[in-house]
Amino acid sequence: TRRVSKVFTLFSNNNGGVRLLLGIFALIGAAVLVVIDQVIKFLATTYIKPIGTLEIIPGFLDFTYHGNDGAAFGILSSQTWIFVIITALVCIALIVGLFVYKKHTTLSRMACALIIAGGIGNLIDRVFNNGYVIDYIHVKFFPPIFNFADCCVSIGVVLLFIYVIFCTDSLRKESSAKKKQKKEKVKHEQDHE
């Protein structure tokens, strides 16, 4: 029973154990997304690269193999090492933030996991494909060709933006209300001594 108690204490809110566990789950989710990204890129290289383009929905969606040496959606091409360094730093910061930041919500953890997954997925490509990222999704009304990792980063950034705009203010208000309650409680206790 003592061991069970120690495990329970490790994952209690008071010592950050829950934060640790949820951070680990977010990283596992990111790892799964990286594997999915790399499998899709392998399939794109194996089956789409030899034929160039595979029409999926005529006039709307193609799978077109494209080696991209720029950022998401082909922006700033030929800046490989800048992207490698920035991507690595952002991923490291987000991974650390998963464990250090105390006010995460499910939304912010999902956002971080998506951004980390997309960043690492494209980072793997840059390091092992001579600076190129394998892109393959071509939506006809959107000229750039992109990939699953780009989608992860884009969705993660949107979720993080929603979190910052809508959740951080309510978290600040909640924190401020708790601090006010503590001050009032302390004052009340001092008044009654």
N, C-alpha and C. Protein backbone atom coordinates (compact mmCIF):
# COMPACT_ATOMS: atom_id res chain seq x y z
N THR A 1 0.82 -1.21 0.00
CA THR A 1 0.00 0.00 0.00
C THR A 1 0.87 1.27 0.00
N ARG A 2 2.06 1.16 0.55
CA ARG A 2 2.95 2.31 0.58
C ARG A 2 3.38 2.71 -0.83
N ARG A 3 3.66 1.72 -1.68
CA ARG A 3 4.04 2.00 -3.06
C ARG A 3 2.90 2.64 -3.83
N VAL A 4 1.69 2.11 -3.63
CA VAL A 4 0.52 2.68 -4.28
C VAL A 4 0.35 4.13 -3.85
N SER A 5 0.55 4.39 -2.59
CA SER A 5 0.45 5.75 -2.07
C SER A 5 1.47 6.67 -2.72
N LYS A 6 2.71 6.17 -2.90
CA LYS A 6 3.76 6.98 -3.54
C LYS A 6 3.40 7.27 -4.99
N VAL A 7 2.85 6.28 -5.70
CA VAL A 7 2.45 6.49 -7.09
C VAL A 7 1.33 7.51 -7.15
N PHE A 8 0.35 7.38 -6.25
CA PHE A 8 -0.76 8.32 -6.23
C PHE A 8 -0.25 9.73 -5.94
N THR A 9 0.68 9.86 -5.00
CA THR A 9 1.25 11.16 -4.67
C THR A 9 1.99 11.75 -5.86
N LEU A 10 2.68 10.91 -6.62
CA LEU A 10 3.41 11.39 -7.79
C LEU A 10 2.48 12.07 -8.79
N PHE A 11 1.25 11.55 -8.92
CA PHE A 11 0.32 12.09 -9.91
C PHE A 11 -0.74 13.00 -9.30
N SER A 12 -0.51 13.52 -8.14
CA SER A 12 -1.47 14.46 -7.55
C SER A 12 -1.22 15.85 -8.10
N ASN A 13 -2.21 16.71 -7.99
CA ASN A 13 -2.09 18.09 -8.47
C ASN A 13 -1.04 18.88 -7.70
N ASN A 14 -0.83 18.56 -6.46
CA ASN A 14 0.04 19.36 -5.61
C ASN A 14 1.50 19.34 -6.03
N ASN A 15 1.99 18.25 -6.59
CA ASN A 15 3.41 18.18 -6.91
C ASN A 15 3.71 18.16 -8.40
N GLY A 16 2.74 18.44 -9.22
CA GLY A 16 2.99 18.50 -10.66
C GLY A 16 2.95 17.16 -11.36
N GLY A 17 2.61 16.10 -10.64
CA GLY A 17 2.56 14.78 -11.26
C GLY A 17 1.55 14.67 -12.38
N VAL A 18 0.39 15.29 -12.20
CA VAL A 18 -0.63 15.29 -13.25
C VAL A 18 -0.09 16.03 -14.47
N ARG A 19 0.57 17.15 -14.23
CA ARG A 19 1.16 17.92 -15.33
C ARG A 19 2.17 17.07 -16.08
N LEU A 20 2.97 16.30 -15.34
CA LEU A 20 3.95 15.41 -15.94
C LEU A 20 3.26 14.35 -16.80
N LEU A 21 2.26 13.71 -16.26
CA LEU A 21 1.55 12.65 -16.97
C LEU A 21 0.87 13.19 -18.22
N LEU A 22 0.20 14.33 -18.13
CA LEU A 22 -0.47 14.90 -19.28
C LEU A 22 0.52 15.38 -20.34
N GLY A 23 1.66 15.86 -19.89
CA GLY A 23 2.73 16.24 -20.83
C GLY A 23 3.24 15.03 -21.59
N ILE A 24 3.40 13.92 -20.87
CA ILE A 24 3.85 12.67 -21.51
C ILE A 24 2.80 12.20 -22.53
N PHE A 25 1.52 12.27 -22.17
CA PHE A 25 0.46 11.88 -23.11
C PHE A 25 0.49 12.77 -24.36
N ALA A 26 0.71 14.06 -24.17
CA ALA A 26 0.79 14.97 -25.32
C ALA A 26 1.96 14.60 -26.22
N LEU A 27 3.10 14.25 -25.62
CA LEU A 27 4.26 13.84 -26.42
C LEU A 27 4.02 12.51 -27.14
N ILE A 28 3.32 11.60 -26.49
CA ILE A 28 2.97 10.33 -27.15
C ILE A 28 2.06 10.62 -28.35
N GLY A 29 1.10 11.51 -28.16
CA GLY A 29 0.22 11.90 -29.28
C GLY A 29 1.02 12.52 -30.41
N ALA A 30 1.98 13.38 -30.07
CA ALA A 30 2.83 14.00 -31.09
C ALA A 30 3.64 12.93 -31.82
N ALA A 31 4.16 11.97 -31.08
CA ALA A 31 4.96 10.89 -31.69
C ALA A 31 4.11 10.08 -32.67
N VAL A 32 2.87 9.79 -32.30
CA VAL A 32 1.97 9.06 -33.19
C VAL A 32 1.74 9.86 -34.48
N LEU A 33 1.54 11.17 -34.34
CA LEU A 33 1.33 12.01 -35.52
C LEU A 33 2.58 12.07 -36.40
N VAL A 34 3.76 12.08 -35.79
CA VAL A 34 5.01 12.06 -36.57
C VAL A 34 5.10 10.75 -37.36
N VAL A 35 4.76 9.64 -36.74
CA VAL A 35 4.79 8.35 -37.44
C VAL A 35 3.81 8.37 -38.61
N ILE A 36 2.61 8.86 -38.38
CA ILE A 36 1.62 8.96 -39.47
C ILE A 36 2.17 9.81 -40.61
N ASP A 37 2.75 10.95 -40.27
CA ASP A 37 3.33 11.84 -41.27
C ASP A 37 4.42 11.14 -42.08
N GLN A 38 5.31 10.45 -41.41
CA GLN A 38 6.41 9.78 -42.11
C GLN A 38 5.93 8.62 -42.96
N VAL A 39 4.91 7.89 -42.51
CA VAL A 39 4.35 6.80 -43.31
C VAL A 39 3.70 7.38 -44.58
N ILE A 40 2.94 8.45 -44.43
CA ILE A 40 2.31 9.07 -45.60
C ILE A 40 3.37 9.57 -46.57
N LYS A 41 4.43 10.18 -46.06
CA LYS A 41 5.50 10.68 -46.94
C LYS A 41 6.22 9.52 -47.64
N PHE A 42 6.39 8.41 -46.95
CA PHE A 42 6.98 7.23 -47.58
C PHE A 42 6.09 6.75 -48.73
N LEU A 43 4.79 6.70 -48.47
CA LEU A 43 3.84 6.28 -49.51
C LEU A 43 3.84 7.26 -50.68
N ALA A 44 3.90 8.55 -50.38
CA ALA A 44 3.95 9.55 -51.45
C ALA A 44 5.20 9.39 -52.30
N THR A 45 6.34 9.14 -51.64
CA THR A 45 7.59 8.95 -52.37
C THR A 45 7.54 7.67 -53.21
N THR A 46 6.97 6.62 -52.65
CA THR A 46 6.93 5.33 -53.33
C THR A 46 5.94 5.30 -54.49
N TYR A 47 4.75 5.86 -54.27
CA TYR A 47 3.69 5.68 -55.25
C TYR A 47 3.36 6.93 -56.08
N ILE A 48 3.55 8.11 -55.52
CA ILE A 48 3.18 9.33 -56.26
C ILE A 48 4.37 9.91 -57.01
N LYS A 49 5.55 9.87 -56.43
CA LYS A 49 6.74 10.45 -57.09
C LYS A 49 6.94 9.86 -58.50
N PRO A 50 6.83 8.54 -58.68
CA PRO A 50 7.05 8.00 -60.03
C PRO A 50 6.04 8.48 -61.09
N ILE A 51 4.82 8.80 -60.66
CA ILE A 51 3.80 9.24 -61.63
C ILE A 51 3.58 10.75 -61.61
N GLY A 52 4.10 11.44 -60.62
CA GLY A 52 3.98 12.90 -60.54
C GLY A 52 2.73 13.36 -59.84
N THR A 53 1.56 13.04 -60.39
CA THR A 53 0.29 13.50 -59.82
C THR A 53 -0.74 12.39 -59.87
N LEU A 54 -1.51 12.28 -58.80
CA LEU A 54 -2.61 11.34 -58.72
C LEU A 54 -3.87 12.16 -58.43
N GLU A 55 -4.79 12.21 -59.39
CA GLU A 55 -6.01 12.99 -59.21
C GLU A 55 -6.96 12.23 -58.29
N ILE A 56 -7.36 12.88 -57.21
CA ILE A 56 -8.25 12.26 -56.21
C ILE A 56 -9.69 12.70 -56.43
N ILE A 57 -9.92 14.01 -56.42
CA ILE A 57 -11.24 14.58 -56.72
C ILE A 57 -11.03 15.54 -57.89
N PRO A 58 -11.49 15.17 -59.07
CA PRO A 58 -11.22 15.99 -60.26
C PRO A 58 -11.60 17.47 -60.06
N GLY A 59 -10.64 18.32 -60.41
CA GLY A 59 -10.85 19.76 -60.30
C GLY A 59 -10.77 20.31 -58.89
N PHE A 60 -10.51 19.44 -57.89
CA PHE A 60 -10.49 19.92 -56.51
C PHE A 60 -9.23 19.47 -55.75
N LEU A 61 -8.91 18.16 -55.79
CA LEU A 61 -7.82 17.65 -54.96
C LEU A 61 -6.96 16.67 -55.75
N ASP A 62 -5.65 16.93 -55.73
CA ASP A 62 -4.66 16.03 -56.31
C ASP A 62 -3.63 15.68 -55.25
N PHE A 63 -3.01 14.53 -55.40
CA PHE A 63 -1.79 14.22 -54.66
C PHE A 63 -0.66 14.39 -55.66
N THR A 64 0.17 15.39 -55.43
CA THR A 64 1.27 15.72 -56.33
C THR A 64 2.56 15.73 -55.54
N TYR A 65 3.51 14.90 -55.93
CA TYR A 65 4.79 14.85 -55.24
C TYR A 65 5.57 16.13 -55.52
N HIS A 66 6.09 16.74 -54.43
CA HIS A 66 6.87 17.97 -54.58
C HIS A 66 7.91 18.05 -53.46
N GLY A 67 9.16 18.27 -53.83
CA GLY A 67 10.21 18.51 -52.84
C GLY A 67 10.28 20.00 -52.55
N ASN A 68 9.99 20.37 -51.32
CA ASN A 68 9.90 21.78 -50.93
C ASN A 68 11.09 22.15 -50.06
N ASP A 69 11.88 23.12 -50.49
CA ASP A 69 13.02 23.56 -49.67
C ASP A 69 12.70 24.82 -48.88
N GLY A 70 11.43 25.20 -48.82
CA GLY A 70 11.01 26.38 -48.06
C GLY A 70 10.27 25.98 -46.79
N ALA A 71 9.59 26.93 -46.21
CA ALA A 71 8.79 26.69 -45.01
C ALA A 71 7.43 26.12 -45.42
N ALA A 72 6.49 26.14 -44.50
CA ALA A 72 5.15 25.63 -44.80
C ALA A 72 4.61 26.31 -46.05
N PHE A 73 4.01 25.51 -46.91
CA PHE A 73 3.40 25.97 -48.15
C PHE A 73 4.40 26.62 -49.10
N GLY A 74 5.69 26.30 -48.97
CA GLY A 74 6.70 26.76 -49.91
C GLY A 74 7.26 28.15 -49.64
N ILE A 75 6.93 28.75 -48.51
CA ILE A 75 7.39 30.10 -48.19
C ILE A 75 8.89 30.08 -47.91
N LEU A 76 9.62 31.12 -48.33
CA LEU A 76 11.05 31.32 -48.05
C LEU A 76 11.91 30.11 -48.44
N SER A 77 11.88 29.75 -49.69
CA SER A 77 12.65 28.59 -50.12
C SER A 77 14.16 28.84 -50.00
N SER A 78 14.90 27.76 -49.93
CA SER A 78 16.38 27.72 -49.86
C SER A 78 16.96 28.28 -48.56
N GLN A 79 16.24 28.24 -47.49
CA GLN A 79 16.73 28.70 -46.18
C GLN A 79 16.77 27.53 -45.20
N THR A 80 17.25 26.39 -45.65
CA THR A 80 17.16 25.12 -44.93
C THR A 80 17.65 25.21 -43.49
N TRP A 81 18.88 25.66 -43.25
CA TRP A 81 19.43 25.61 -41.89
C TRP A 81 18.73 26.58 -40.95
N ILE A 82 18.24 27.67 -41.49
CA ILE A 82 17.45 28.58 -40.65
C ILE A 82 16.20 27.85 -40.15
N PHE A 83 15.53 27.12 -41.06
CA PHE A 83 14.33 26.38 -40.67
C PHE A 83 14.64 25.25 -39.70
N VAL A 84 15.76 24.58 -39.91
CA VAL A 84 16.15 23.50 -39.01
C VAL A 84 16.36 24.05 -37.60
N ILE A 85 17.09 25.14 -37.49
CA ILE A 85 17.39 25.73 -36.17
C ILE A 85 16.12 26.27 -35.51
N ILE A 86 15.34 27.03 -36.27
CA ILE A 86 14.11 27.61 -35.69
C ILE A 86 13.14 26.51 -35.29
N THR A 87 12.96 25.52 -36.16
CA THR A 87 12.03 24.41 -35.85
C THR A 87 12.49 23.66 -34.60
N ALA A 88 13.78 23.37 -34.51
CA ALA A 88 14.30 22.65 -33.34
C ALA A 88 14.08 23.47 -32.07
N LEU A 89 14.36 24.76 -32.12
CA LEU A 89 14.18 25.61 -30.94
C LEU A 89 12.71 25.71 -30.52
N VAL A 90 11.83 25.88 -31.49
CA VAL A 90 10.40 25.96 -31.18
C VAL A 90 9.91 24.65 -30.58
N CYS A 91 10.31 23.52 -31.17
CA CYS A 91 9.89 22.22 -30.64
C CYS A 91 10.42 22.01 -29.22
N ILE A 92 11.66 22.36 -28.97
CA ILE A 92 12.23 22.23 -27.62
C ILE A 92 11.47 23.11 -26.64
N ALA A 93 11.20 24.35 -27.03
CA ALA A 93 10.46 25.27 -26.15
C ALA A 93 9.06 24.73 -25.83
N LEU A 94 8.38 24.19 -26.84
CA LEU A 94 7.04 23.64 -26.61
C LEU A 94 7.08 22.39 -25.74
N ILE A 95 8.08 21.55 -25.94
CA ILE A 95 8.21 20.34 -25.11
C ILE A 95 8.46 20.74 -23.65
N VAL A 96 9.36 21.67 -23.44
CA VAL A 96 9.61 22.15 -22.07
C VAL A 96 8.34 22.77 -21.50
N GLY A 97 7.66 23.56 -22.33
CA GLY A 97 6.43 24.20 -21.88
C GLY A 97 5.34 23.22 -21.48
N LEU A 98 5.30 22.06 -22.13
CA LEU A 98 4.31 21.05 -21.74
C LEU A 98 4.46 20.64 -20.28
N PHE A 99 5.69 20.69 -19.78
CA PHE A 99 5.95 20.22 -18.42
C PHE A 99 6.08 21.35 -17.40
N VAL A 100 6.39 22.54 -17.87
CA VAL A 100 6.67 23.66 -16.95
C VAL A 100 5.45 24.56 -16.77
N TYR A 101 4.77 24.87 -17.85
CA TYR A 101 3.62 25.79 -17.81
C TYR A 101 2.51 25.16 -16.97
N LYS A 102 2.02 25.89 -15.99
CA LYS A 102 1.09 25.32 -15.02
C LYS A 102 -0.39 25.48 -15.37
N LYS A 103 -0.68 26.25 -16.41
CA LYS A 103 -2.09 26.54 -16.70
C LYS A 103 -2.57 25.94 -18.02
N HIS A 104 -1.95 24.82 -18.41
CA HIS A 104 -2.39 24.17 -19.64
C HIS A 104 -3.83 23.69 -19.51
N THR A 105 -4.48 23.68 -20.66
CA THR A 105 -5.80 23.05 -20.78
C THR A 105 -5.65 21.96 -21.83
N THR A 106 -6.69 21.20 -22.04
CA THR A 106 -6.66 20.19 -23.09
C THR A 106 -6.39 20.85 -24.43
N LEU A 107 -6.99 22.01 -24.65
CA LEU A 107 -6.80 22.74 -25.90
C LEU A 107 -5.34 23.13 -26.11
N SER A 108 -4.71 23.68 -25.09
CA SER A 108 -3.31 24.11 -25.25
C SER A 108 -2.37 22.92 -25.39
N ARG A 109 -2.65 21.83 -24.71
CA ARG A 109 -1.82 20.63 -24.88
C ARG A 109 -1.97 20.06 -26.28
N MET A 110 -3.19 20.02 -26.79
CA MET A 110 -3.40 19.53 -28.16
C MET A 110 -2.68 20.43 -29.16
N ALA A 111 -2.77 21.73 -28.95
CA ALA A 111 -2.09 22.68 -29.85
C ALA A 111 -0.59 22.43 -29.85
N CYS A 112 -0.02 22.28 -28.67
CA CYS A 112 1.43 22.03 -28.57
C CYS A 112 1.80 20.71 -29.23
N ALA A 113 1.02 19.66 -28.99
CA ALA A 113 1.31 18.35 -29.58
C ALA A 113 1.27 18.42 -31.10
N LEU A 114 0.30 19.12 -31.65
CA LEU A 114 0.19 19.26 -33.11
C LEU A 114 1.37 20.03 -33.69
N ILE A 115 1.74 21.13 -33.05
CA ILE A 115 2.86 21.94 -33.55
C ILE A 115 4.16 21.15 -33.45
N ILE A 116 4.36 20.48 -32.33
CA ILE A 116 5.57 19.66 -32.15
C ILE A 116 5.62 18.56 -33.22
N ALA A 117 4.50 17.88 -33.43
CA ALA A 117 4.46 16.78 -34.41
C ALA A 117 4.77 17.29 -35.81
N GLY A 118 4.12 18.36 -36.21
CA GLY A 118 4.36 18.90 -37.54
C GLY A 118 5.79 19.39 -37.70
N GLY A 119 6.29 20.04 -36.66
CA GLY A 119 7.67 20.53 -36.72
C GLY A 119 8.67 19.40 -36.84
N ILE A 120 8.50 18.38 -36.02
CA ILE A 120 9.43 17.24 -36.06
C ILE A 120 9.28 16.47 -37.37
N GLY A 121 8.05 16.30 -37.85
CA GLY A 121 7.84 15.60 -39.11
C GLY A 121 8.59 16.26 -40.26
N ASN A 122 8.48 17.57 -40.35
CA ASN A 122 9.19 18.29 -41.41
C ASN A 122 10.69 18.40 -41.13
N LEU A 123 11.05 18.44 -39.86
CA LEU A 123 12.48 18.48 -39.50
C LEU A 123 13.18 17.19 -39.93
N ILE A 124 12.52 16.07 -39.74
CA ILE A 124 13.08 14.78 -40.18
C ILE A 124 13.35 14.85 -41.69
N ASP A 125 12.38 15.38 -42.44
CA ASP A 125 12.58 15.50 -43.89
C ASP A 125 13.78 16.38 -44.22
N ARG A 126 13.86 17.53 -43.59
CA ARG A 126 14.95 18.47 -43.90
C ARG A 126 16.32 17.84 -43.63
N VAL A 127 16.42 17.13 -42.53
CA VAL A 127 17.71 16.54 -42.15
C VAL A 127 18.07 15.36 -43.05
N PHE A 128 17.10 14.53 -43.41
CA PHE A 128 17.39 13.30 -44.16
C PHE A 128 17.09 13.36 -45.66
N ASN A 129 16.56 14.47 -46.15
CA ASN A 129 16.24 14.61 -47.58
C ASN A 129 16.94 15.82 -48.20
N ASN A 130 18.17 16.06 -47.80
CA ASN A 130 18.97 17.15 -48.38
C ASN A 130 18.28 18.52 -48.29
N GLY A 131 17.61 18.77 -47.18
CA GLY A 131 16.97 20.07 -46.97
C GLY A 131 15.57 20.19 -47.52
N TYR A 132 15.06 19.13 -48.13
CA TYR A 132 13.73 19.18 -48.74
C TYR A 132 12.69 18.51 -47.85
N VAL A 133 11.50 19.09 -47.86
CA VAL A 133 10.34 18.49 -47.20
C VAL A 133 9.47 17.89 -48.30
N ILE A 134 8.95 16.71 -48.06
CA ILE A 134 8.10 16.05 -49.05
C ILE A 134 6.67 16.56 -48.89
N ASP A 135 6.20 17.25 -49.91
CA ASP A 135 4.82 17.74 -49.96
C ASP A 135 4.05 16.93 -50.98
N TYR A 136 2.74 16.80 -50.80
CA TYR A 136 1.96 15.95 -51.70
C TYR A 136 0.50 16.33 -51.81
N ILE A 137 -0.03 17.18 -50.94
CA ILE A 137 -1.45 17.54 -50.99
C ILE A 137 -1.59 18.82 -51.81
N HIS A 138 -2.41 18.75 -52.86
CA HIS A 138 -2.63 19.93 -53.69
C HIS A 138 -4.13 20.15 -53.85
N VAL A 139 -4.62 21.15 -53.14
CA VAL A 139 -6.01 21.57 -53.27
C VAL A 139 -6.03 22.63 -54.36
N LYS A 140 -6.85 22.44 -55.38
CA LYS A 140 -6.79 23.26 -56.59
C LYS A 140 -6.97 24.76 -56.34
N PHE A 141 -7.80 25.14 -55.38
CA PHE A 141 -8.02 26.57 -55.14
C PHE A 141 -6.93 27.19 -54.25
N PHE A 142 -6.00 26.38 -53.79
CA PHE A 142 -4.92 26.84 -52.91
C PHE A 142 -3.61 26.42 -53.56
N PRO A 143 -2.91 27.36 -54.21
CA PRO A 143 -1.76 26.99 -55.05
C PRO A 143 -0.65 26.19 -54.36
N PRO A 144 -0.22 26.48 -53.14
CA PRO A 144 0.90 25.70 -52.60
C PRO A 144 0.53 24.23 -52.37
N ILE A 145 1.51 23.37 -52.57
CA ILE A 145 1.37 21.95 -52.25
C ILE A 145 1.90 21.79 -50.83
N PHE A 146 1.21 21.02 -50.00
CA PHE A 146 1.59 20.90 -48.60
C PHE A 146 1.50 19.46 -48.15
N ASN A 147 1.69 19.21 -46.86
CA ASN A 147 1.68 17.84 -46.35
C ASN A 147 0.96 17.76 -45.01
N PHE A 148 0.88 16.57 -44.48
CA PHE A 148 0.20 16.32 -43.20
C PHE A 148 0.85 17.12 -42.07
N ALA A 149 2.18 17.20 -42.05
CA ALA A 149 2.88 17.94 -41.00
C ALA A 149 2.51 19.42 -41.04
N ASP A 150 2.41 19.99 -42.26
CA ASP A 150 1.98 21.38 -42.39
C ASP A 150 0.58 21.57 -41.82
N CYS A 151 -0.30 20.60 -42.07
CA CYS A 151 -1.66 20.66 -41.52
C CYS A 151 -1.62 20.63 -39.99
N CYS A 152 -0.77 19.76 -39.43
CA CYS A 152 -0.65 19.69 -37.97
C CYS A 152 -0.20 21.03 -37.40
N VAL A 153 0.83 21.63 -38.00
CA VAL A 153 1.33 22.92 -37.51
C VAL A 153 0.25 23.98 -37.64
N SER A 154 -0.41 24.04 -38.78
CA SER A 154 -1.44 25.07 -39.01
C SER A 154 -2.60 24.94 -38.02
N ILE A 155 -3.10 23.73 -37.84
CA ILE A 155 -4.20 23.51 -36.90
C ILE A 155 -3.73 23.80 -35.48
N GLY A 156 -2.52 23.37 -35.13
CA GLY A 156 -1.97 23.64 -33.80
C GLY A 156 -1.84 25.12 -33.52
N VAL A 157 -1.38 25.89 -34.50
CA VAL A 157 -1.24 27.34 -34.32
C VAL A 157 -2.62 27.98 -34.13
N VAL A 158 -3.61 27.55 -34.92
CA VAL A 158 -4.97 28.08 -34.76
C VAL A 158 -5.50 27.76 -33.37
N LEU A 159 -5.32 26.52 -32.91
CA LEU A 159 -5.78 26.14 -31.56
C LEU A 159 -5.06 26.94 -30.48
N LEU A 160 -3.75 27.14 -30.66
CA LEU A 160 -2.99 27.92 -29.68
C LEU A 160 -3.46 29.37 -29.67
N PHE A 161 -3.75 29.91 -30.83
CA PHE A 161 -4.28 31.27 -30.93
C PHE A 161 -5.62 31.36 -30.20
N ILE A 162 -6.51 30.38 -30.42
CA ILE A 162 -7.80 30.35 -29.73
C ILE A 162 -7.58 30.28 -28.22
N TYR A 163 -6.64 29.44 -27.79
CA TYR A 163 -6.33 29.32 -26.37
C TYR A 163 -5.88 30.67 -25.80
N VAL A 164 -4.95 31.32 -26.48
CA VAL A 164 -4.42 32.60 -25.98
C VAL A 164 -5.51 33.65 -25.92
N ILE A 165 -6.33 33.72 -26.96
CA ILE A 165 -7.37 34.76 -27.03
C ILE A 165 -8.49 34.50 -26.02
N PHE A 166 -8.96 33.27 -25.94
CA PHE A 166 -10.15 33.00 -25.15
C PHE A 166 -9.91 32.39 -23.78
N CYS A 167 -8.83 31.67 -23.60
CA CYS A 167 -8.64 30.95 -22.34
C CYS A 167 -7.72 31.67 -21.36
N THR A 168 -6.68 32.31 -21.84
CA THR A 168 -5.72 32.89 -20.90
C THR A 168 -6.34 34.01 -20.09
N ASP A 169 -7.26 34.78 -20.68
CA ASP A 169 -7.90 35.85 -19.94
C ASP A 169 -8.76 35.29 -18.81
N SER A 170 -9.52 34.22 -19.10
CA SER A 170 -10.34 33.62 -18.06
C SER A 170 -9.47 32.96 -16.99
N LEU A 171 -8.30 32.40 -17.39
CA LEU A 171 -7.39 31.82 -16.41
C LEU A 171 -6.81 32.91 -15.50
N ARG A 172 -6.49 34.07 -16.11
CA ARG A 172 -5.98 35.19 -15.30
C ARG A 172 -7.03 35.66 -14.31
N LYS A 173 -8.27 35.79 -14.78
CA LYS A 173 -9.35 36.23 -13.90
C LYS A 173 -9.56 35.22 -12.78
N GLU A 174 -9.52 33.93 -13.11
CA GLU A 174 -9.68 32.88 -12.12
C GLU A 174 -8.55 32.93 -11.09
N SER A 175 -7.33 33.10 -11.56
CA SER A 175 -6.17 33.20 -10.68
C SER A 175 -6.28 34.43 -9.79
N SER A 176 -6.69 35.54 -10.38
CA SER A 176 -6.84 36.78 -9.62
C SER A 176 -7.91 36.63 -8.55
N ALA A 177 -9.02 35.96 -8.88
CA ALA A 177 -10.09 35.74 -7.91
C ALA A 177 -9.61 34.86 -6.76
N LYS A 178 -8.80 33.83 -7.08
CA LYS A 178 -8.26 32.96 -6.02
C LYS A 178 -7.32 33.74 -5.11
N LYS A 179 -6.48 34.59 -5.69
CA LYS A 179 -5.57 35.40 -4.88
C LYS A 179 -6.35 36.35 -3.98
N LYS A 180 -7.41 36.92 -4.52
CA LYS A 180 -8.25 37.83 -3.73
C LYS A 180 -8.91 37.09 -2.57
N GLN A 181 -9.38 35.87 -2.85
CA GLN A 181 -10.00 35.06 -1.79
C GLN A 181 -8.99 34.74 -0.70
N LYS A 182 -7.76 34.40 -1.10
CA LYS A 182 -6.71 34.10 -0.12
C LYS A 182 -6.43 35.31 0.76
N LYS A 183 -6.30 36.49 0.15
CA LYS A 183 -6.03 37.72 0.90
C LYS A 183 -7.15 38.00 1.88
N GLU A 184 -8.39 37.83 1.41
CA GLU A 184 -9.54 38.07 2.28
C GLU A 184 -9.56 37.07 3.45
N LYS A 185 -9.20 35.82 3.16
CA LYS A 185 -9.17 34.80 4.20
C LYS A 185 -8.10 35.12 5.23
N VAL A 186 -6.93 35.51 4.77
CA VAL A 186 -5.84 35.88 5.68
C VAL A 186 -6.25 37.07 6.52
N LYS A 187 -6.84 38.07 5.86
CA LYS A 187 -7.27 39.28 6.59
C LYS A 187 -8.32 38.92 7.62
N HIS A 188 -9.26 38.06 7.22
CA HIS A 188 -10.33 37.65 8.14
C HIS A 188 -9.73 36.93 9.35
N GLU A 189 -8.75 36.04 9.10
CA GLU A 189 -8.11 35.32 10.19
C GLU A 189 -7.35 36.26 11.10
N GLN A 190 -6.70 37.27 10.54
CA GLN A 190 -5.95 38.25 11.35
C GLN A 190 -6.90 39.09 12.18
N ASP A 191 -8.05 39.43 11.62
CA ASP A 191 -9.04 40.24 12.33
C ASP A 191 -9.64 39.49 13.52
N HIS A 192 -9.69 38.18 13.43
CA HIS A 192 -10.30 37.39 14.48
C HIS A 192 -9.30 36.83 15.48
N GLU A 193 -8.07 37.24 15.41
CA GLU A 193 -7.08 36.75 16.37
C GLU A 193 -7.08 37.55 17.64
